[in-house]
């Protein structure tokens, strides 16, 4: 994970955000949904 931010006139702005997953998880072929996203 990583991010890039710049400060212009005292205001911070995120210009880039990166999140990576392992190849094992990507090649698994399943969609993972957090339990908190599902209806009770």
PDB file of N, CA and C in Angstrom:
ATOM      1  N   UNK A   1       0.840  -1.165   0.000  1.00  0.00           N
ATOM      2  CA  UNK A   1       0.000   0.000   0.000  1.00  0.00           C
ATOM      3  C   UNK A   1       0.888   1.233   0.000  1.00  0.00           C
ATOM      4  N   UNK A   2       0.376   2.267  -0.560  1.00  0.00           N
ATOM      5  CA  UNK A   2       1.137   3.499  -0.588  1.00  0.00           C
ATOM      6  C   UNK A   2       0.244   4.646  -1.024  1.00  0.00           C
ATOM      7  N   UNK A   3       0.739   5.827  -0.797  1.00  0.00           N
ATOM      8  CA  UNK A   3      -0.008   7.015  -1.198  1.00  0.00           C
ATOM      9  C   UNK A   3       0.960   8.144  -1.483  1.00  0.00           C
ATOM     10  N   UNK A   4       0.506   9.045  -2.299  1.00  0.00           N
ATOM     11  CA  UNK A   4       1.289  10.236  -2.609  1.00  0.00           C
ATOM     12  C   UNK A   4       0.388  11.438  -2.407  1.00  0.00           C
ATOM     13  N   UNK A   5       0.881  12.411  -1.678  1.00  0.00           N
ATOM     14  CA  UNK A   5       0.100  13.622  -1.420  1.00  0.00           C
ATOM     15  C   UNK A   5       0.976  14.837  -1.655  1.00  0.00           C
ATOM     16  N   UNK A   6       0.350  15.904  -2.080  1.00  0.00           N
ATOM     17  CA  UNK A   6       1.067  17.151  -2.277  1.00  0.00           C
ATOM     18  C   UNK A   6       0.364  18.255  -1.483  1.00  0.00           C
ATOM     19  N   UNK A   7       1.150  19.220  -1.076  1.00  0.00           N
ATOM     20  CA  UNK A   7       0.597  20.352  -0.335  1.00  0.00           C
ATOM     21  C   UNK A   7       0.709  21.592  -1.204  1.00  0.00           C
ATOM     22  N   UNK A   8      -0.429  22.212  -1.481  1.00  0.00           N
ATOM     23  CA  UNK A   8      -0.477  23.419  -2.292  1.00  0.00           C
ATOM     24  C   UNK A   8      -1.242  24.472  -1.508  1.00  0.00           C
ATOM     25  N   UNK A   9      -0.591  25.589  -1.266  1.00  0.00           N
ATOM     26  CA  UNK A   9      -1.210  26.694  -0.514  1.00  0.00           C
ATOM     27  C   UNK A   9      -1.750  26.232   0.839  1.00  0.00           C
ATOM     28  N   UNK A  10      -1.012  25.354   1.495  1.00  0.00           N
ATOM     29  CA  UNK A  10      -1.398  24.882   2.816  1.00  0.00           C
ATOM     30  C   UNK A  10      -2.470  23.799   2.820  1.00  0.00           C
ATOM     31  N   UNK A  11      -2.918  23.366   1.644  1.00  0.00           N
ATOM     32  CA  UNK A  11      -3.966  22.356   1.529  1.00  0.00           C
ATOM     33  C   UNK A  11      -3.369  21.054   1.001  1.00  0.00           C
ATOM     34  N   UNK A  12      -3.574  19.951   1.734  1.00  0.00           N
ATOM     35  CA  UNK A  12      -3.071  18.650   1.303  1.00  0.00           C
ATOM     36  C   UNK A  12      -4.062  18.000   0.354  1.00  0.00           C
ATOM     37  N   UNK A  13      -3.539  17.416  -0.715  1.00  0.00           N
ATOM     38  CA  UNK A  13      -4.358  16.708  -1.694  1.00  0.00           C
ATOM     39  C   UNK A  13      -3.694  15.380  -2.017  1.00  0.00           C
ATOM     40  N   UNK A  14      -4.461  14.303  -1.952  1.00  0.00           N
ATOM     41  CA  UNK A  14      -3.940  12.987  -2.332  1.00  0.00           C
ATOM     42  C   UNK A  14      -3.947  12.913  -3.850  1.00  0.00           C
ATOM     43  N   UNK A  15      -2.775  12.646  -4.432  1.00  0.00           N
ATOM     44  CA  UNK A  15      -2.666  12.587  -5.886  1.00  0.00           C
ATOM     45  C   UNK A  15      -2.558  11.159  -6.401  1.00  0.00           C
ATOM     46  N   UNK A  16      -2.243  10.227  -5.505  1.00  0.00           N
ATOM     47  CA  UNK A  16      -2.103   8.834  -5.932  1.00  0.00           C
ATOM     48  C   UNK A  16      -2.288   7.928  -4.730  1.00  0.00           C
ATOM     49  N   UNK A  17      -3.051   6.848  -4.909  1.00  0.00           N
ATOM     50  CA  UNK A  17      -3.222   5.847  -3.863  1.00  0.00           C
ATOM     51  C   UNK A  17      -3.079   4.470  -4.507  1.00  0.00           C
ATOM     52  N   UNK A  18      -2.320   3.596  -3.861  1.00  0.00           N
ATOM     53  CA  UNK A  18      -2.059   2.273  -4.413  1.00  0.00           C
ATOM     54  C   UNK A  18      -2.320   1.226  -3.344  1.00  0.00           C
ATOM     55  N   UNK A  19      -3.056   0.192  -3.742  1.00  0.00           N
ATOM     56  CA  UNK A  19      -3.280  -0.937  -2.845  1.00  0.00           C
ATOM     57  C   UNK A  19      -3.062  -2.199  -3.651  1.00  0.00           C
ATOM     58  N   UNK A  20      -2.268  -3.099  -3.136  1.00  0.00           N
ATOM     59  CA  UNK A  20      -1.986  -4.314  -3.883  1.00  0.00           C
ATOM     60  C   UNK A  20      -2.499  -5.532  -3.143  1.00  0.00           C
ATOM     61  N   UNK A  21      -2.784  -6.577  -3.887  1.00  0.00           N
ATOM     62  CA  UNK A  21      -3.208  -7.852  -3.327  1.00  0.00           C
ATOM     63  C   UNK A  21      -2.192  -8.896  -3.773  1.00  0.00           C
ATOM     64  N   UNK A  22      -2.065  -9.945  -3.024  1.00  0.00           N
ATOM     65  CA  UNK A  22      -1.133 -10.996  -3.423  1.00  0.00           C
ATOM     66  C   UNK A  22      -1.681 -11.735  -4.641  1.00  0.00           C
ATOM     67  N   UNK A  23      -0.798 -12.272  -5.455  1.00  0.00           N
ATOM     68  CA  UNK A  23      -1.216 -13.014  -6.648  1.00  0.00           C
ATOM     69  C   UNK A  23      -2.052 -14.230  -6.249  1.00  0.00           C
ATOM     70  N   UNK A  24      -1.758 -14.821  -5.110  1.00  0.00           N
ATOM     71  CA  UNK A  24      -2.516 -15.997  -4.667  1.00  0.00           C
ATOM     72  C   UNK A  24      -3.988 -15.644  -4.511  1.00  0.00           C
ATOM     73  N   UNK A  25      -4.265 -14.513  -3.893  1.00  0.00           N
ATOM     74  CA  UNK A  25      -5.655 -14.096  -3.686  1.00  0.00           C
ATOM     75  C   UNK A  25      -6.298 -13.728  -5.022  1.00  0.00           C
ATOM     76  N   UNK A  26      -5.573 -13.057  -5.894  1.00  0.00           N
ATOM     77  CA  UNK A  26      -6.142 -12.668  -7.183  1.00  0.00           C
ATOM     78  C   UNK A  26      -6.435 -13.876  -8.059  1.00  0.00           C
ATOM     79  N   UNK A  27      -5.559 -14.861  -8.035  1.00  0.00           N
ATOM     80  CA  UNK A  27      -5.718 -16.030  -8.892  1.00  0.00           C
ATOM     81  C   UNK A  27      -6.653 -17.078  -8.289  1.00  0.00           C
ATOM     82  N   UNK A  28      -7.147 -16.835  -7.099  1.00  0.00           N
ATOM     83  CA  UNK A  28      -8.039 -17.772  -6.430  1.00  0.00           C
ATOM     84  C   UNK A  28      -9.360 -17.920  -7.184  1.00  0.00           C
ATOM     85  N   UNK A  29      -9.805 -16.852  -7.835  1.00  0.00           N
ATOM     86  CA  UNK A  29     -11.034 -16.914  -8.616  1.00  0.00           C
ATOM     87  C   UNK A  29     -12.298 -16.669  -7.815  1.00  0.00           C
ATOM     88  N   UNK A  30     -12.179 -16.239  -6.578  1.00  0.00           N
ATOM     89  CA  UNK A  30     -13.335 -15.968  -5.735  1.00  0.00           C
ATOM     90  C   UNK A  30     -13.463 -14.468  -5.478  1.00  0.00           C
ATOM     91  N   UNK A  31     -14.676 -14.044  -5.227  1.00  0.00           N
ATOM     92  CA  UNK A  31     -14.920 -12.658  -4.834  1.00  0.00           C
ATOM     93  C   UNK A  31     -15.100 -12.649  -3.336  1.00  0.00           C
ATOM     94  N   UNK A  32     -14.350 -11.834  -2.657  1.00  0.00           N
ATOM     95  CA  UNK A  32     -14.432 -11.757  -1.194  1.00  0.00           C
ATOM     96  C   UNK A  32     -15.204 -10.490  -0.801  1.00  0.00           C
ATOM     97  N   UNK A  33     -16.229 -10.688   0.009  1.00  0.00           N
ATOM     98  CA  UNK A  33     -17.069  -9.579   0.470  1.00  0.00           C
ATOM     99  C   UNK A  33     -17.029  -9.584   1.989  1.00  0.00           C
ATOM    100  N   UNK A  34     -16.682  -8.452   2.615  1.00  0.00           N
ATOM    101  CA  UNK A  34     -16.659  -8.410   4.078  1.00  0.00           C
ATOM    102  C   UNK A  34     -18.039  -8.740   4.662  1.00  0.00           C
ATOM    103  N   UNK A  35     -18.070  -9.500   5.731  1.00  0.00           N
ATOM    104  CA  UNK A  35     -19.324  -9.897   6.364  1.00  0.00           C
ATOM    105  C   UNK A  35     -20.147  -8.683   6.781  1.00  0.00           C
ATOM    106  N   UNK A  36     -19.482  -7.589   7.128  1.00  0.00           N
ATOM    107  CA  UNK A  36     -20.212  -6.396   7.555  1.00  0.00           C
ATOM    108  C   UNK A  36     -20.980  -5.736   6.394  1.00  0.00           C
ATOM    109  N   UNK A  37     -20.686  -6.144   5.153  1.00  0.00           N
ATOM    110  CA  UNK A  37     -21.389  -5.597   3.988  1.00  0.00           C
ATOM    111  C   UNK A  37     -22.666  -6.352   3.656  1.00  0.00           C
ATOM    112  N   UNK A  38     -22.847  -7.521   4.284  1.00  0.00           N
ATOM    113  CA  UNK A  38     -24.010  -8.354   3.995  1.00  0.00           C
ATOM    114  C   UNK A  38     -25.161  -8.022   4.941  1.00  0.00           C
ATOM    115  N   UNK A  39     -26.410  -8.175   4.460  1.00  0.00           N
ATOM    116  CA  UNK A  39     -27.556  -7.912   5.341  1.00  0.00           C
ATOM    117  C   UNK A  39     -27.592  -8.935   6.480  1.00  0.00           C
ATOM    118  N   UNK A  40     -28.117  -8.523   7.601  1.00  0.00           N
ATOM    119  CA  UNK A  40     -28.172  -9.409   8.787  1.00  0.00           C
ATOM    120  C   UNK A  40     -29.159 -10.526   8.618  1.00  0.00           C
TER     121      UNK A  40
END
